[in-house]
PDB file of N, CA and C in Angstrom:
ATOM      1  N   MET A   1     -28.693  -3.524  50.496  1.00  0.00           N
ATOM      2  CA  MET A   1     -29.426  -4.667  50.271  1.00  0.00           C
ATOM      3  C   MET A   1     -30.402  -5.080  51.526  1.00  0.00           C
ATOM      4  N   ASP A   2     -31.328  -5.763  50.829  1.00  0.00           N
ATOM      5  CA  ASP A   2     -32.551  -5.799  51.963  1.00  0.00           C
ATOM      6  C   ASP A   2     -32.432  -7.232  52.370  1.00  0.00           C
ATOM      7  N   ASP A   3     -32.727  -7.204  53.847  1.00  0.00           N
ATOM      8  CA  ASP A   3     -32.562  -8.511  54.506  1.00  0.00           C
ATOM      9  C   ASP A   3     -34.088  -9.143  54.590  1.00  0.00           C
ATOM     10  N   ILE A   4     -34.318 -10.397  53.987  1.00  0.00           N
ATOM     11  CA  ILE A   4     -35.618 -11.092  53.941  1.00  0.00           C
ATOM     12  C   ILE A   4     -35.929 -11.652  55.361  1.00  0.00           C
ATOM     13  N   ILE A   5     -37.152 -11.304  55.942  1.00  0.00           N
ATOM     14  CA  ILE A   5     -37.189 -11.742  57.387  1.00  0.00           C
ATOM     15  C   ILE A   5     -38.341 -12.904  57.124  1.00  0.00           C
ATOM     16  N   LYS A   6     -39.284 -13.027  56.208  1.00  0.00           N
ATOM     17  CA  LYS A   6     -40.107 -14.213  55.643  1.00  0.00           C
ATOM     18  C   LYS A   6     -40.532 -13.925  54.360  1.00  0.00           C
ATOM     19  N   SER A   7     -40.531 -15.475  53.766  1.00  0.00           N
ATOM     20  CA  SER A   7     -41.016 -15.138  52.318  1.00  0.00           C
ATOM     21  C   SER A   7     -41.882 -16.414  52.031  1.00  0.00           C
ATOM     22  N   GLU A   8     -42.763 -16.486  51.266  1.00  0.00           N
ATOM     23  CA  GLU A   8     -43.776 -17.363  51.134  1.00  0.00           C
ATOM     24  C   GLU A   8     -44.316 -17.447  49.444  1.00  0.00           C
ATOM     25  N   THR A   9     -44.319 -18.553  48.740  1.00  0.00           N
ATOM     26  CA  THR A   9     -44.704 -18.311  47.592  1.00  0.00           C
ATOM     27  C   THR A   9     -46.019 -19.135  47.365  1.00  0.00           C
ATOM     28  N   ILE A  10     -46.820 -18.615  46.518  1.00  0.00           N
ATOM     29  CA  ILE A  10     -48.288 -19.383  46.168  1.00  0.00           C
ATOM     30  C   ILE A  10     -48.469 -19.492  44.909  1.00  0.00           C
ATOM     31  N   GLY A  11     -49.155 -20.681  44.379  1.00  0.00           N
ATOM     32  CA  GLY A  11     -49.494 -20.576  42.686  1.00  0.00           C
ATOM     33  C   GLY A  11     -50.805 -20.563  42.632  1.00  0.00           C
ATOM     34  N   VAL A  12     -51.399 -19.658  41.953  1.00  0.00           N
ATOM     35  CA  VAL A  12     -52.594 -19.511  41.285  1.00  0.00           C
ATOM     36  C   VAL A  12     -52.822 -19.722  39.901  1.00  0.00           C
ATOM     37  N   GLU A  13     -53.499 -20.861  39.570  1.00  0.00           N
ATOM     38  CA  GLU A  13     -53.520 -20.834  37.954  1.00  0.00           C
ATOM     39  C   GLU A  13     -52.213 -20.856  37.275  1.00  0.00           C
ATOM     40  N   ARG A  14     -51.873 -19.980  36.455  1.00  0.00           N
ATOM     41  CA  ARG A  14     -50.456 -20.093  35.884  1.00  0.00           C
ATOM     42  C   ARG A  14     -49.544 -18.900  36.240  1.00  0.00           C
ATOM     43  N   LYS A  15     -49.929 -18.398  37.553  1.00  0.00           N
ATOM     44  CA  LYS A  15     -49.190 -17.520  38.244  1.00  0.00           C
ATOM     45  C   LYS A  15     -48.696 -17.974  39.493  1.00  0.00           C
ATOM     46  N   ASN A  16     -47.545 -17.369  39.827  1.00  0.00           N
ATOM     47  CA  ASN A  16     -46.834 -17.416  41.063  1.00  0.00           C
ATOM     48  C   ASN A  16     -46.542 -16.380  41.785  1.00  0.00           C
ATOM     49  N   PHE A  17     -47.026 -16.205  42.983  1.00  0.00           N
ATOM     50  CA  PHE A  17     -46.828 -14.755  44.005  1.00  0.00           C
ATOM     51  C   PHE A  17     -46.025 -15.114  44.924  1.00  0.00           C
ATOM     52  N   ILE A  18     -44.796 -14.199  45.100  1.00  0.00           N
ATOM     53  CA  ILE A  18     -43.944 -14.583  46.012  1.00  0.00           C
ATOM     54  C   ILE A  18     -43.949 -13.241  46.994  1.00  0.00           C
ATOM     55  N   PHE A  19     -44.452 -13.567  48.317  1.00  0.00           N
ATOM     56  CA  PHE A  19     -44.528 -12.701  49.358  1.00  0.00           C
ATOM     57  C   PHE A  19     -43.427 -12.725  50.139  1.00  0.00           C
ATOM     58  N   ASP A  20     -42.471 -11.355  49.942  1.00  0.00           N
ATOM     59  CA  ASP A  20     -41.267 -11.228  51.032  1.00  0.00           C
ATOM     60  C   ASP A  20     -41.549 -10.226  51.999  1.00  0.00           C
ATOM     61  N   LEU A  21     -41.306 -10.446  53.148  1.00  0.00           N
ATOM     62  CA  LEU A  21     -41.292  -9.526  54.143  1.00  0.00           C
ATOM     63  C   LEU A  21     -39.787  -9.158  54.220  1.00  0.00           C
ATOM     64  N   ARG A  22     -39.322  -7.624  53.977  1.00  0.00           N
ATOM     65  CA  ARG A  22     -38.246  -7.644  54.071  1.00  0.00           C
ATOM     66  C   ARG A  22     -37.810  -6.150  54.744  1.00  0.00           C
ATOM     67  N   GLU A  23     -36.716  -5.981  55.226  1.00  0.00           N
ATOM     68  CA  GLU A  23     -36.213  -4.712  56.180  1.00  0.00           C
ATOM     69  C   GLU A  23     -34.854  -4.352  55.429  1.00  0.00           C
ATOM     70  N   ASN A  24     -34.770  -2.978  55.344  1.00  0.00           N
ATOM     71  CA  ASN A  24     -33.617  -2.305  54.993  1.00  0.00           C
ATOM     72  C   ASN A  24     -33.392  -1.109  55.775  1.00  0.00           C
ATOM     73  N   PRO A  25     -32.610  -0.374  55.417  1.00  0.00           N
ATOM     74  CA  PRO A  25     -32.347   0.932  56.428  1.00  0.00           C
ATOM     75  C   PRO A  25     -33.326   1.870  56.604  1.00  0.00           C
ATOM     76  N   ARG A  26     -34.062   1.903  55.808  1.00  0.00           N
ATOM     77  CA  ARG A  26     -35.406   2.709  55.640  1.00  0.00           C
ATOM     78  C   ARG A  26     -36.592   2.138  56.472  1.00  0.00           C
ATOM     79  N   GLY A  27     -36.508   0.872  56.788  1.00  0.00           N
ATOM     80  CA  GLY A  27     -37.598   0.071  57.351  1.00  0.00           C
ATOM     81  C   GLY A  27     -38.166  -1.055  56.893  1.00  0.00           C
ATOM     82  N   ARG A  28     -39.273  -1.731  57.275  1.00  0.00           N
ATOM     83  CA  ARG A  28     -39.749  -2.808  56.996  1.00  0.00           C
ATOM     84  C   ARG A  28     -40.869  -2.582  55.883  1.00  0.00           C
ATOM     85  N   PHE A  29     -40.922  -3.666  54.999  1.00  0.00           N
ATOM     86  CA  PHE A  29     -42.031  -3.639  53.665  1.00  0.00           C
ATOM     87  C   PHE A  29     -42.284  -4.963  53.489  1.00  0.00           C
ATOM     88  N   LEU A  30     -43.413  -4.933  52.696  1.00  0.00           N
ATOM     89  CA  LEU A  30     -43.557  -6.224  51.913  1.00  0.00           C
ATOM     90  C   LEU A  30     -43.879  -6.289  50.430  1.00  0.00           C
ATOM     91  N   ARG A  31     -43.035  -7.051  49.891  1.00  0.00           N
ATOM     92  CA  ARG A  31     -43.056  -6.779  48.511  1.00  0.00           C
ATOM     93  C   ARG A  31     -43.696  -8.330  47.832  1.00  0.00           C
ATOM     94  N   ILE A  32     -44.683  -7.737  47.055  1.00  0.00           N
ATOM     95  CA  ILE A  32     -45.292  -9.132  46.253  1.00  0.00           C
ATOM     96  C   ILE A  32     -45.167  -8.847  45.009  1.00  0.00           C
ATOM     97  N   THR A  33     -44.504  -9.968  44.620  1.00  0.00           N
ATOM     98  CA  THR A  33     -43.987 -10.115  43.137  1.00  0.00           C
ATOM     99  C   THR A  33     -44.834 -11.190  42.387  1.00  0.00           C
ATOM    100  N   GLU A  34     -45.402 -10.975  41.331  1.00  0.00           N
ATOM    101  CA  GLU A  34     -46.104 -11.726  40.360  1.00  0.00           C
ATOM    102  C   GLU A  34     -45.296 -12.094  39.383  1.00  0.00           C
ATOM    103  N   ASP A  35     -45.096 -13.837  38.977  1.00  0.00           N
ATOM    104  CA  ASP A  35     -44.396 -14.218  38.039  1.00  0.00           C
ATOM    105  C   ASP A  35     -45.459 -14.872  37.251  1.00  0.00           C
ATOM    106  N   ALA A  36     -45.410 -14.532  36.077  1.00  0.00           N
ATOM    107  CA  ALA A  36     -46.504 -15.131  34.980  1.00  0.00           C
ATOM    108  C   ALA A  36     -45.545 -15.401  33.862  1.00  0.00           C
ATOM    109  N   ASN A  37     -45.248 -16.804  33.673  1.00  0.00           N
ATOM    110  CA  ASN A  37     -44.550 -16.973  32.261  1.00  0.00           C
ATOM    111  C   ASN A  37     -43.197 -16.137  32.077  1.00  0.00           C
ATOM    112  N   GLY A  38     -42.535 -15.998  33.254  1.00  0.00           N
ATOM    113  CA  GLY A  38     -41.332 -15.360  33.277  1.00  0.00           C
ATOM    114  C   GLY A  38     -41.213 -13.928  33.275  1.00  0.00           C
ATOM    115  N   ARG A  39     -42.561 -13.247  33.050  1.00  0.00           N
ATOM    116  CA  ARG A  39     -42.620 -11.907  33.340  1.00  0.00           C
ATOM    117  C   ARG A  39     -42.989 -11.508  34.747  1.00  0.00           C
ATOM    118  N   ARG A  40     -42.121 -10.531  35.446  1.00  0.00           N
ATOM    119  CA  ARG A  40     -42.346 -10.361  36.816  1.00  0.00           C
ATOM    120  C   ARG A  40     -42.863  -8.674  37.089  1.00  0.00           C
ATOM    121  N   ASP A  41     -43.556  -8.691  37.820  1.00  0.00           N
ATOM    122  CA  ASP A  41     -44.271  -7.393  38.254  1.00  0.00           C
ATOM    123  C   ASP A  41     -44.346  -7.409  39.706  1.00  0.00           C
ATOM    124  N   ALA A  42     -44.254  -6.206  40.523  1.00  0.00           N
ATOM    125  CA  ALA A  42     -44.088  -6.155  42.050  1.00  0.00           C
ATOM    126  C   ALA A  42     -44.644  -4.906  42.661  1.00  0.00           C
ATOM    127  N   ILE A  43     -45.291  -4.855  43.642  1.00  0.00           N
ATOM    128  CA  ILE A  43     -45.617  -3.906  44.368  1.00  0.00           C
ATOM    129  C   ILE A  43     -44.949  -4.071  45.516  1.00  0.00           C
ATOM    130  N   VAL A  44     -44.762  -2.833  46.358  1.00  0.00           N
ATOM    131  CA  VAL A  44     -44.170  -2.690  47.633  1.00  0.00           C
ATOM    132  C   VAL A  44     -45.040  -2.039  48.704  1.00  0.00           C
ATOM    133  N   ILE A  45     -45.516  -2.500  49.575  1.00  0.00           N
ATOM    134  CA  ILE A  45     -46.171  -2.078  50.788  1.00  0.00           C
ATOM    135  C   ILE A  45     -45.558  -1.420  52.172  1.00  0.00           C
ATOM    136  N   PRO A  46     -45.214  -0.492  52.422  1.00  0.00           N
ATOM    137  CA  PRO A  46     -44.680  -0.215  53.634  1.00  0.00           C
ATOM    138  C   PRO A  46     -45.231  -0.843  54.702  1.00  0.00           C
ATOM    139  N   ALA A  47     -44.419  -1.292  55.728  1.00  0.00           N
ATOM    140  CA  ALA A  47     -45.023  -2.053  56.987  1.00  0.00           C
ATOM    141  C   ALA A  47     -45.902  -1.225  57.783  1.00  0.00           C
ATOM    142  N   PRO A  48     -46.009  -0.004  57.843  1.00  0.00           N
ATOM    143  CA  PRO A  48     -47.244   0.910  58.388  1.00  0.00           C
ATOM    144  C   PRO A  48     -48.348   0.649  57.673  1.00  0.00           C
ATOM    145  N   GLY A  49     -48.572   0.176  56.510  1.00  0.00           N
ATOM    146  CA  GLY A  49     -49.838   0.229  55.738  1.00  0.00           C
ATOM    147  C   GLY A  49     -50.280  -1.170  55.741  1.00  0.00           C
ATOM    148  N   LEU A  50     -49.437  -2.302  56.337  1.00  0.00           N
ATOM    149  CA  LEU A  50     -50.114  -3.700  56.155  1.00  0.00           C
ATOM    150  C   LEU A  50     -51.394  -3.899  56.752  1.00  0.00           C
ATOM    151  N   GLU A  51     -51.724  -3.270  57.912  1.00  0.00           N
ATOM    152  CA  GLU A  51     -52.994  -3.433  58.558  1.00  0.00           C
ATOM    153  C   GLU A  51     -54.129  -2.930  57.688  1.00  0.00           C
ATOM    154  N   GLU A  52     -53.817  -1.782  56.963  1.00  0.00           N
ATOM    155  CA  GLU A  52     -54.798  -1.265  56.407  1.00  0.00           C
ATOM    156  C   GLU A  52     -54.910  -1.955  54.752  1.00  0.00           C
ATOM    157  N   PHE A  53     -54.002  -2.476  54.323  1.00  0.00           N
ATOM    158  CA  PHE A  53     -53.709  -3.394  53.015  1.00  0.00           C
ATOM    159  C   PHE A  53     -54.542  -4.657  53.462  1.00  0.00           C
ATOM    160  N   ARG A  54     -54.658  -5.267  54.594  1.00  0.00           N
ATOM    161  CA  ARG A  54     -55.318  -6.316  55.199  1.00  0.00           C
ATOM    162  C   ARG A  54     -56.861  -6.004  55.013  1.00  0.00           C
ATOM    163  N   ARG A  55     -57.040  -5.241  55.812  1.00  0.00           N
ATOM    164  CA  ARG A  55     -58.539  -4.887  56.045  1.00  0.00           C
ATOM    165  C   ARG A  55     -59.044  -4.670  54.635  1.00  0.00           C
ATOM    166  N   VAL A  56     -58.416  -3.995  53.571  1.00  0.00           N
ATOM    167  CA  VAL A  56     -59.321  -3.740  52.429  1.00  0.00           C
ATOM    168  C   VAL A  56     -59.189  -4.969  51.780  1.00  0.00           C
ATOM    169  N   LEU A  57     -58.120  -6.129  51.730  1.00  0.00           N
ATOM    170  CA  LEU A  57     -58.315  -7.350  50.977  1.00  0.00           C
ATOM    171  C   LEU A  57     -59.460  -8.346  51.935  1.00  0.00           C
ATOM    172  N   ASP A  58     -59.442  -8.159  53.029  1.00  0.00           N
ATOM    173  CA  ASP A  58     -60.583  -8.826  53.948  1.00  0.00           C
ATOM    174  C   ASP A  58     -61.930  -8.355  53.154  1.00  0.00           C
ATOM    175  N   GLU A  59     -62.342  -7.445  52.753  1.00  0.00           N
ATOM    176  CA  GLU A  59     -63.533  -6.926  52.461  1.00  0.00           C
ATOM    177  C   GLU A  59     -63.854  -7.322  51.410  1.00  0.00           C
ATOM    178  N   ILE A  60     -62.721  -7.259  50.409  1.00  0.00           N
ATOM    179  CA  ILE A  60     -62.770  -7.736  49.025  1.00  0.00           C
ATOM    180  C   ILE A  60     -63.116  -9.455  48.866  1.00  0.00           C
ATOM    181  N   ILE A  61     -62.406 -10.079  49.601  1.00  0.00           N
ATOM    182  CA  ILE A  61     -62.729 -11.442  49.914  1.00  0.00           C
ATOM    183  C   ILE A  61     -64.252 -11.658  50.301  1.00  0.00           C
ATOM    184  N   GLU A  62     -64.495 -10.812  51.342  1.00  0.00           N
ATOM    185  CA  GLU A  62     -65.981 -11.140  51.653  1.00  0.00           C
ATOM    186  C   GLU A  62     -66.916 -10.903  50.800  1.00  0.00           C
ATOM    187  N   ALA A  63     -66.694  -9.616  49.853  1.00  0.00           N
ATOM    188  CA  ALA A  63     -67.527  -9.368  48.681  1.00  0.00           C
ATOM    189  C   ALA A  63     -67.688 -10.495  47.701  1.00  0.00           C
ATOM    190  N   ASP A  64     -66.294 -11.096  47.404  1.00  0.00           N
ATOM    191  CA  ASP A  64     -66.408 -12.171  46.456  1.00  0.00           C
ATOM    192  C   ASP A  64     -67.227 -13.351  47.005  1.00  0.00           C
ATOM    193  N   HIS A  65     -67.213 -13.463  48.257  1.00  0.00           N
ATOM    194  CA  HIS A  65     -68.001 -14.957  48.982  1.00  0.00           C
ATOM    195  C   HIS A  65     -69.442 -14.581  48.654  1.00  0.00           C
ATOM    196  N   GLN A  66     -69.931 -13.207  49.023  1.00  0.00           N
ATOM    197  CA  GLN A  66     -71.243 -13.058  49.145  1.00  0.00           C
ATOM    198  C   GLN A  66     -71.893 -13.073  47.451  1.00  0.00           C
ATOM    199  N   ALA A  67     -70.727 -12.639  46.271  1.00  0.00           N
ATOM    200  CA  ALA A  67     -70.964 -12.549  44.905  1.00  0.00           C
ATOM    201  C   ALA A  67     -71.299 -14.096  44.447  1.00  0.00           C
ATOM    202  N   GLY A  68     -70.504 -14.784  45.131  1.00  0.00           N
ATOM    203  CA  GLY A  68     -70.227 -16.077  44.465  1.00  0.00           C
ATOM    204  C   GLY A  68     -71.330 -17.245  45.118  1.00  0.00           C
TER     205      GLY A  68
END
């Protein structure tokens, strides 16, 4: 069983995204779940990869701002 350390939910258009920082015996990780009309998909990012994930996301956000 995973322990939830922190959980946040955001709604974007018709989708909900649930961000759960969790921990289990193998370590900490971020689970991002997309809920769209009852259909759920999730990705899991191990905690050691969170900084790199954030760096790439920041670059994508910056590219979107420059394009728009």
